[in-house]
Amino acid sequence: MGRHLKATIITGVLAAVLLAPIAYMRYLDQTTRPVDEDKLGAVAPFILRDVNGVPLTQEDLDGHITVVANLGGCATGCTAERALLARLSTWIHANLVYAGEYEKTPIQLVTVAPPEVAVDAPWRHVAATGADLATFLPQGHGEAQPSVSVVDQERRFRYNEPLTQGDALLAQLEPYLSRLVMNHYMRDYLAKRTFFDVKPKSASHGS
């Protein structure tokens, strides 16, 4: 085998090895995108406070997959919606969180609801009324019915569906969150633990 042919083969193998993680990351990114993702837009700048008075701003979304339950407009007590959210958070803890290391998970759970609505742990209760209830709703998605939104690490809306879907919502959202978390860890690995320089895509965060 000629020296030139050997060099070509070695170069090809090295290129395949080096590019495979990047190709896989791009594949994951594509599989986690809803069809209408580009229509959902980004979260506009905001300042809200939870029931303990601790502020929550758009910067707190950076680097996290934020699952937001909007309980504006639900029936008194939001009993059915809270039960569904409890099932979702139980599944997240069982499947996406290392035992005893919740603080290390990229997922954070936020419920936006009027102060008088009871919100169960581990959801963080962000008290909101009026127009503030629509903070975590994509444009054109009103607060007339309870819903779940997912915001990615770059403050982009990736998902928004009504809680009234019940079991169908969980069947769709659970594998979707799994793919988002896998995508997150792959990006983190390539950016921090190898020589690849993986930068987040630019996104409009509002002015």
C-alpha atoms as a PDB file:
ATOM      1  CA  MET A   1       0.000   0.000   0.000  1.00  0.00           C
ATOM      2  CA  GLY A   2       1.441   3.331  -1.033  1.00  0.00           C
ATOM      3  CA  ARG A   3       2.382   5.981   1.511  1.00  0.00           C
ATOM      4  CA  HIS A   4      -0.091   8.450   0.008  1.00  0.00           C
ATOM      5  CA  LEU A   5      -2.960   5.953   0.221  1.00  0.00           C
ATOM      6  CA  LYS A   6      -2.109   5.168   3.861  1.00  0.00           C
ATOM      7  CA  ALA A   7      -2.121   8.857   4.721  1.00  0.00           C
ATOM      8  CA  THR A   8      -5.467   9.315   2.996  1.00  0.00           C
ATOM      9  CA  ILE A   9      -7.023   6.410   4.911  1.00  0.00           C
ATOM     10  CA  ILE A  10      -5.644   7.627   8.252  1.00  0.00           C
ATOM     11  CA  THR A  11      -6.899  11.142   7.557  1.00  0.00           C
ATOM     12  CA  GLY A  12     -10.333   9.822   6.696  1.00  0.00           C
ATOM     13  CA  VAL A  13     -10.547   7.700   9.845  1.00  0.00           C
ATOM     14  CA  LEU A  14      -9.424  10.582  12.056  1.00  0.00           C
ATOM     15  CA  ALA A  15     -11.929  12.919  10.435  1.00  0.00           C
ATOM     16  CA  ALA A  16     -14.727  10.415  11.017  1.00  0.00           C
ATOM     17  CA  VAL A  17     -13.766   9.997  14.673  1.00  0.00           C
ATOM     18  CA  LEU A  18     -13.510  13.728  15.275  1.00  0.00           C
ATOM     19  CA  LEU A  19     -16.685  14.693  13.430  1.00  0.00           C
ATOM     20  CA  ALA A  20     -18.937  11.918  14.746  1.00  0.00           C
ATOM     21  CA  PRO A  21     -19.698  13.647  18.100  1.00  0.00           C
ATOM     22  CA  ILE A  22     -20.550  16.896  16.305  1.00  0.00           C
ATOM     23  CA  ALA A  23     -22.822  15.081  13.849  1.00  0.00           C
ATOM     24  CA  TYR A  24     -24.513  13.278  16.749  1.00  0.00           C
ATOM     25  CA  MET A  25     -25.041  16.547  18.600  1.00  0.00           C
ATOM     26  CA  ARG A  26     -26.658  18.075  15.523  1.00  0.00           C
ATOM     27  CA  TYR A  27     -28.859  15.004  15.174  1.00  0.00           C
ATOM     28  CA  LEU A  28     -30.007  15.370  18.774  1.00  0.00           C
ATOM     29  CA  ASP A  29     -30.716  19.033  18.237  1.00  0.00           C
ATOM     30  CA  GLN A  30     -32.894  18.247  15.237  1.00  0.00           C
ATOM     31  CA  THR A  31     -34.823  15.477  17.026  1.00  0.00           C
ATOM     32  CA  THR A  32     -35.685  17.762  19.935  1.00  0.00           C
ATOM     33  CA  ARG A  33     -37.260  20.466  17.818  1.00  0.00           C
ATOM     34  CA  PRO A  34     -41.019  20.698  17.543  1.00  0.00           C
ATOM     35  CA  VAL A  35     -42.258  21.397  14.034  1.00  0.00           C
ATOM     36  CA  ASP A  36     -43.343  24.901  14.973  1.00  0.00           C
ATOM     37  CA  GLU A  37     -40.353  25.782  17.151  1.00  0.00           C
ATOM     38  CA  ASP A  38     -39.398  28.772  15.022  1.00  0.00           C
ATOM     39  CA  LYS A  39     -42.876  30.200  15.514  1.00  0.00           C
ATOM     40  CA  LEU A  40     -42.699  30.108  19.318  1.00  0.00           C
ATOM     41  CA  GLY A  41     -39.914  32.679  19.668  1.00  0.00           C
ATOM     42  CA  ALA A  42     -37.870  33.611  22.730  1.00  0.00           C
ATOM     43  CA  VAL A  43     -38.755  34.684  26.251  1.00  0.00           C
ATOM     44  CA  ALA A  44     -38.870  38.455  26.561  1.00  0.00           C
ATOM     45  CA  PRO A  45     -36.966  40.163  29.425  1.00  0.00           C
ATOM     46  CA  PHE A  46     -38.895  40.010  32.682  1.00  0.00           C
ATOM     47  CA  ILE A  47     -38.630  40.346  36.459  1.00  0.00           C
ATOM     48  CA  LEU A  48     -40.971  38.324  38.654  1.00  0.00           C
ATOM     49  CA  ARG A  49     -40.820  37.141  42.265  1.00  0.00           C
ATOM     50  CA  ASP A  50     -41.708  33.854  43.839  1.00  0.00           C
ATOM     51  CA  VAL A  51     -43.922  33.603  46.922  1.00  0.00           C
ATOM     52  CA  ASN A  52     -40.807  33.920  49.121  1.00  0.00           C
ATOM     53  CA  GLY A  53     -39.896  37.244  47.523  1.00  0.00           C
ATOM     54  CA  VAL A  54     -36.905  35.835  45.611  1.00  0.00           C
ATOM     55  CA  PRO A  55     -36.647  37.426  42.144  1.00  0.00           C
ATOM     56  CA  LEU A  56     -36.700  35.417  38.947  1.00  0.00           C
ATOM     57  CA  THR A  57     -35.389  37.025  35.744  1.00  0.00           C
ATOM     58  CA  GLN A  58     -34.568  35.916  32.235  1.00  0.00           C
ATOM     59  CA  GLU A  59     -30.926  35.384  33.270  1.00  0.00           C
ATOM     60  CA  ASP A  60     -32.053  32.591  35.599  1.00  0.00           C
ATOM     61  CA  LEU A  61     -33.130  30.609  32.538  1.00  0.00           C
ATOM     62  CA  ASP A  62     -29.634  30.513  31.030  1.00  0.00           C
ATOM     63  CA  GLY A  63     -28.083  27.045  31.053  1.00  0.00           C
ATOM     64  CA  HIS A  64     -31.280  25.354  32.196  1.00  0.00           C
ATOM     65  CA  ILE A  65     -34.175  23.484  30.647  1.00  0.00           C
ATOM     66  CA  THR A  66     -37.066  25.255  32.339  1.00  0.00           C
ATOM     67  CA  VAL A  67     -40.432  23.540  32.556  1.00  0.00           C
ATOM     68  CA  VAL A  68     -43.088  26.156  33.291  1.00  0.00           C
ATOM     69  CA  ALA A  69     -46.614  25.341  34.382  1.00  0.00           C
ATOM     70  CA  ASN A  70     -49.013  28.228  33.874  1.00  0.00           C
ATOM     71  CA  LEU A  71     -52.034  27.895  36.150  1.00  0.00           C
ATOM     72  CA  GLY A  72     -53.745  31.115  35.167  1.00  0.00           C
ATOM     73  CA  GLY A  73     -57.373  30.496  34.304  1.00  0.00           C
ATOM     74  CA  CYS A  74     -57.749  27.058  35.899  1.00  0.00           C
ATOM     75  CA  ALA A  75     -60.711  26.138  38.069  1.00  0.00           C
ATOM     76  CA  THR A  76     -60.697  26.956  41.777  1.00  0.00           C
ATOM     77  CA  GLY A  77     -57.858  25.092  43.451  1.00  0.00           C
ATOM     78  CA  CYS A  78     -56.435  23.784  40.156  1.00  0.00           C
ATOM     79  CA  THR A  79     -56.829  20.269  41.594  1.00  0.00           C
ATOM     80  CA  ALA A  80     -56.636  18.310  38.329  1.00  0.00           C
ATOM     81  CA  GLU A  81     -53.747  20.393  36.993  1.00  0.00           C
ATOM     82  CA  ARG A  82     -51.745  20.051  40.213  1.00  0.00           C
ATOM     83  CA  ALA A  83     -52.227  16.282  40.166  1.00  0.00           C
ATOM     84  CA  LEU A  84     -50.876  16.117  36.611  1.00  0.00           C
ATOM     85  CA  LEU A  85     -47.880  18.295  37.522  1.00  0.00           C
ATOM     86  CA  ALA A  86     -47.156  16.025  40.503  1.00  0.00           C
ATOM     87  CA  ARG A  87     -47.015  13.039  38.154  1.00  0.00           C
ATOM     88  CA  LEU A  88     -44.700  14.922  35.807  1.00  0.00           C
ATOM     89  CA  SER A  89     -42.286  16.015  38.566  1.00  0.00           C
ATOM     90  CA  THR A  90     -42.256  12.469  40.012  1.00  0.00           C
ATOM     91  CA  TRP A  91     -41.296  11.089  36.606  1.00  0.00           C
ATOM     92  CA  ILE A  92     -38.581  13.746  36.161  1.00  0.00           C
ATOM     93  CA  HIS A  93     -37.048  12.891  39.544  1.00  0.00           C
ATOM     94  CA  ALA A  94     -37.137   9.180  38.795  1.00  0.00           C
ATOM     95  CA  ASN A  95     -35.688   9.383  35.293  1.00  0.00           C
ATOM     96  CA  LEU A  96     -33.758  12.621  34.752  1.00  0.00           C
ATOM     97  CA  VAL A  97     -32.268  13.435  38.164  1.00  0.00           C
ATOM     98  CA  TYR A  98     -29.353  11.700  39.864  1.00  0.00           C
ATOM     99  CA  ALA A  99     -30.348  10.430  43.298  1.00  0.00           C
ATOM    100  CA  GLY A 100     -29.747  13.133  45.901  1.00  0.00           C
ATOM    101  CA  GLU A 101     -28.325  15.549  43.325  1.00  0.00           C
ATOM    102  CA  TYR A 102     -31.323  17.554  42.185  1.00  0.00           C
ATOM    103  CA  GLU A 103     -29.231  20.737  42.247  1.00  0.00           C
ATOM    104  CA  LYS A 104     -27.045  19.327  39.459  1.00  0.00           C
ATOM    105  CA  THR A 105     -29.842  18.595  37.028  1.00  0.00           C
ATOM    106  CA  PRO A 106     -30.281  21.010  34.119  1.00  0.00           C
ATOM    107  CA  ILE A 107     -34.066  20.953  34.614  1.00  0.00           C
ATOM    108  CA  GLN A 108     -35.806  23.516  36.792  1.00  0.00           C
ATOM    109  CA  LEU A 109     -39.532  23.480  37.530  1.00  0.00           C
ATOM    110  CA  VAL A 110     -41.516  26.716  37.772  1.00  0.00           C
ATOM    111  CA  THR A 111     -45.227  27.277  38.280  1.00  0.00           C
ATOM    112  CA  VAL A 112     -46.640  30.689  37.401  1.00  0.00           C
ATOM    113  CA  ALA A 113     -49.896  31.157  39.285  1.00  0.00           C
ATOM    114  CA  PRO A 114     -51.831  33.671  41.345  1.00  0.00           C
ATOM    115  CA  PRO A 115     -50.583  33.891  44.958  1.00  0.00           C
ATOM    116  CA  GLU A 116     -53.691  32.194  46.344  1.00  0.00           C
ATOM    117  CA  VAL A 117     -53.221  29.015  44.273  1.00  0.00           C
ATOM    118  CA  ALA A 118     -51.450  26.244  46.177  1.00  0.00           C
ATOM    119  CA  VAL A 119     -48.341  24.998  44.397  1.00  0.00           C
ATOM    120  CA  ASP A 120     -46.750  21.705  45.415  1.00  0.00           C
ATOM    121  CA  ALA A 121     -43.000  21.108  45.788  1.00  0.00           C
ATOM    122  CA  PRO A 122     -40.667  20.799  43.965  1.00  0.00           C
ATOM    123  CA  TRP A 123     -42.329  23.373  41.681  1.00  0.00           C
ATOM    124  CA  ARG A 124     -41.206  26.926  42.421  1.00  0.00           C
ATOM    125  CA  HIS A 125     -44.265  29.136  42.832  1.00  0.00           C
ATOM    126  CA  VAL A 126     -43.827  32.394  40.962  1.00  0.00           C
ATOM    127  CA  ALA A 127     -46.694  34.630  42.016  1.00  0.00           C
ATOM    128  CA  ALA A 128     -48.285  36.434  39.094  1.00  0.00           C
ATOM    129  CA  THR A 129     -51.552  38.067  38.156  1.00  0.00           C
ATOM    130  CA  GLY A 130     -52.901  39.833  35.103  1.00  0.00           C
ATOM    131  CA  ALA A 131     -50.430  40.311  32.254  1.00  0.00           C
ATOM    132  CA  ASP A 132     -47.587  38.684  34.252  1.00  0.00           C
ATOM    133  CA  LEU A 133     -49.335  35.326  33.872  1.00  0.00           C
ATOM    134  CA  ALA A 134     -48.387  35.408  30.180  1.00  0.00           C
ATOM    135  CA  THR A 135     -44.636  35.852  30.815  1.00  0.00           C
ATOM    136  CA  PHE A 136     -43.870  32.219  29.954  1.00  0.00           C
ATOM    137  CA  LEU A 137     -46.350  31.919  27.118  1.00  0.00           C
ATOM    138  CA  PRO A 138     -45.268  32.274  23.487  1.00  0.00           C
ATOM    139  CA  GLN A 139     -46.822  35.152  21.600  1.00  0.00           C
ATOM    140  CA  GLY A 140     -50.345  34.328  20.559  1.00  0.00           C
ATOM    141  CA  HIS A 141     -50.817  31.768  23.327  1.00  0.00           C
ATOM    142  CA  GLY A 142     -53.136  33.412  25.829  1.00  0.00           C
ATOM    143  CA  GLU A 143     -53.459  32.554  29.511  1.00  0.00           C
ATOM    144  CA  ALA A 144     -57.096  31.525  29.172  1.00  0.00           C
ATOM    145  CA  GLN A 145     -56.279  27.871  29.911  1.00  0.00           C
ATOM    146  CA  PRO A 146     -53.573  26.178  32.009  1.00  0.00           C
ATOM    147  CA  SER A 147     -50.591  25.036  29.988  1.00  0.00           C
ATOM    148  CA  VAL A 148     -47.027  23.729  30.131  1.00  0.00           C
ATOM    149  CA  SER A 149     -44.171  25.474  28.362  1.00  0.00           C
ATOM    150  CA  VAL A 150     -40.559  24.359  27.960  1.00  0.00           C
ATOM    151  CA  VAL A 151     -37.802  26.953  27.614  1.00  0.00           C
ATOM    152  CA  ASP A 152     -34.322  25.831  26.543  1.00  0.00           C
ATOM    153  CA  GLN A 153     -30.894  26.965  27.750  1.00  0.00           C
ATOM    154  CA  GLU A 154     -30.927  29.913  25.382  1.00  0.00           C
ATOM    155  CA  ARG A 155     -34.345  31.219  26.532  1.00  0.00           C
ATOM    156  CA  ARG A 156     -36.173  29.913  23.477  1.00  0.00           C
ATOM    157  CA  PHE A 157     -39.640  28.447  23.751  1.00  0.00           C
ATOM    158  CA  ARG A 158     -39.494  24.846  22.621  1.00  0.00           C
ATOM    159  CA  TYR A 159     -42.910  23.577  23.658  1.00  0.00           C
ATOM    160  CA  ASN A 160     -46.333  24.818  24.738  1.00  0.00           C
ATOM    161  CA  GLU A 161     -49.401  22.649  25.196  1.00  0.00           C
ATOM    162  CA  PRO A 162     -52.525  22.837  27.378  1.00  0.00           C
ATOM    163  CA  LEU A 163     -52.656  20.836  30.607  1.00  0.00           C
ATOM    164  CA  THR A 164     -56.128  19.688  29.632  1.00  0.00           C
ATOM    165  CA  GLN A 165     -54.480  17.052  27.409  1.00  0.00           C
ATOM    166  CA  GLY A 166     -53.829  15.011  30.551  1.00  0.00           C
ATOM    167  CA  ASP A 167     -52.176  11.632  29.907  1.00  0.00           C
ATOM    168  CA  ALA A 168     -51.573  12.500  26.268  1.00  0.00           C
ATOM    169  CA  LEU A 169     -49.471  15.475  27.359  1.00  0.00           C
ATOM    170  CA  LEU A 170     -47.311  13.300  29.629  1.00  0.00           C
ATOM    171  CA  ALA A 171     -46.855  10.715  26.890  1.00  0.00           C
ATOM    172  CA  GLN A 172     -45.516  13.448  24.611  1.00  0.00           C
ATOM    173  CA  LEU A 173     -43.601  15.559  27.122  1.00  0.00           C
ATOM    174  CA  GLU A 174     -41.650  12.829  28.949  1.00  0.00           C
ATOM    175  CA  PRO A 175     -39.666  11.520  25.945  1.00  0.00           C
ATOM    176  CA  TYR A 176     -39.296  15.081  24.707  1.00  0.00           C
ATOM    177  CA  LEU A 177     -37.649  16.174  27.974  1.00  0.00           C
ATOM    178  CA  SER A 178     -35.420  13.095  27.853  1.00  0.00           C
ATOM    179  CA  ARG A 179     -34.083  14.153  24.461  1.00  0.00           C
ATOM    180  CA  LEU A 180     -33.580  17.732  25.595  1.00  0.00           C
ATOM    181  CA  VAL A 181     -31.561  16.578  28.616  1.00  0.00           C
ATOM    182  CA  MET A 182     -29.464  14.242  26.448  1.00  0.00           C
ATOM    183  CA  ASN A 183     -28.821  17.129  24.083  1.00  0.00           C
ATOM    184  CA  HIS A 184     -27.817  19.323  27.048  1.00  0.00           C
ATOM    185  CA  TYR A 185     -25.288  16.827  28.397  1.00  0.00           C
ATOM    186  CA  MET A 186     -23.813  16.171  24.958  1.00  0.00           C
ATOM    187  CA  ARG A 187     -23.286  19.897  24.387  1.00  0.00           C
ATOM    188  CA  ASP A 188     -21.827  20.253  27.858  1.00  0.00           C
ATOM    189  CA  TYR A 189     -19.447  17.349  27.271  1.00  0.00           C
ATOM    190  CA  LEU A 190     -18.213  18.627  23.931  1.00  0.00           C
ATOM    191  CA  ALA A 191     -17.841  22.194  25.189  1.00  0.00           C
ATOM    192  CA  LYS A 192     -16.142  21.520  28.519  1.00  0.00           C
ATOM    193  CA  ARG A 193     -14.449  18.127  28.382  1.00  0.00           C
ATOM    194  CA  THR A 194     -12.943  17.942  24.912  1.00  0.00           C
ATOM    195  CA  PHE A 195     -11.058  20.220  22.586  1.00  0.00           C
ATOM    196  CA  PHE A 196     -14.210  21.008  20.620  1.00  0.00           C
ATOM    197  CA  ASP A 197     -15.328  24.607  20.931  1.00  0.00           C
ATOM    198  CA  VAL A 198     -19.114  24.297  20.988  1.00  0.00           C
ATOM    199  CA  LYS A 199     -20.844  27.620  21.322  1.00  0.00           C
ATOM    200  CA  PRO A 200     -24.586  28.107  21.798  1.00  0.00           C
ATOM    201  CA  LYS A 201     -26.513  29.327  18.811  1.00  0.00           C
ATOM    202  CA  SER A 202     -27.283  32.994  18.895  1.00  0.00           C
ATOM    203  CA  ALA A 203     -30.841  33.832  19.841  1.00  0.00           C
ATOM    204  CA  SER A 204     -32.759  37.020  20.152  1.00  0.00           C
ATOM    205  CA  HIS A 205     -33.426  37.628  23.814  1.00  0.00           C
ATOM    206  CA  GLY A 206     -35.346  40.797  23.314  1.00  0.00           C
ATOM    207  CA  SER A 207     -34.153  44.311  23.737  1.00  0.00           C
END
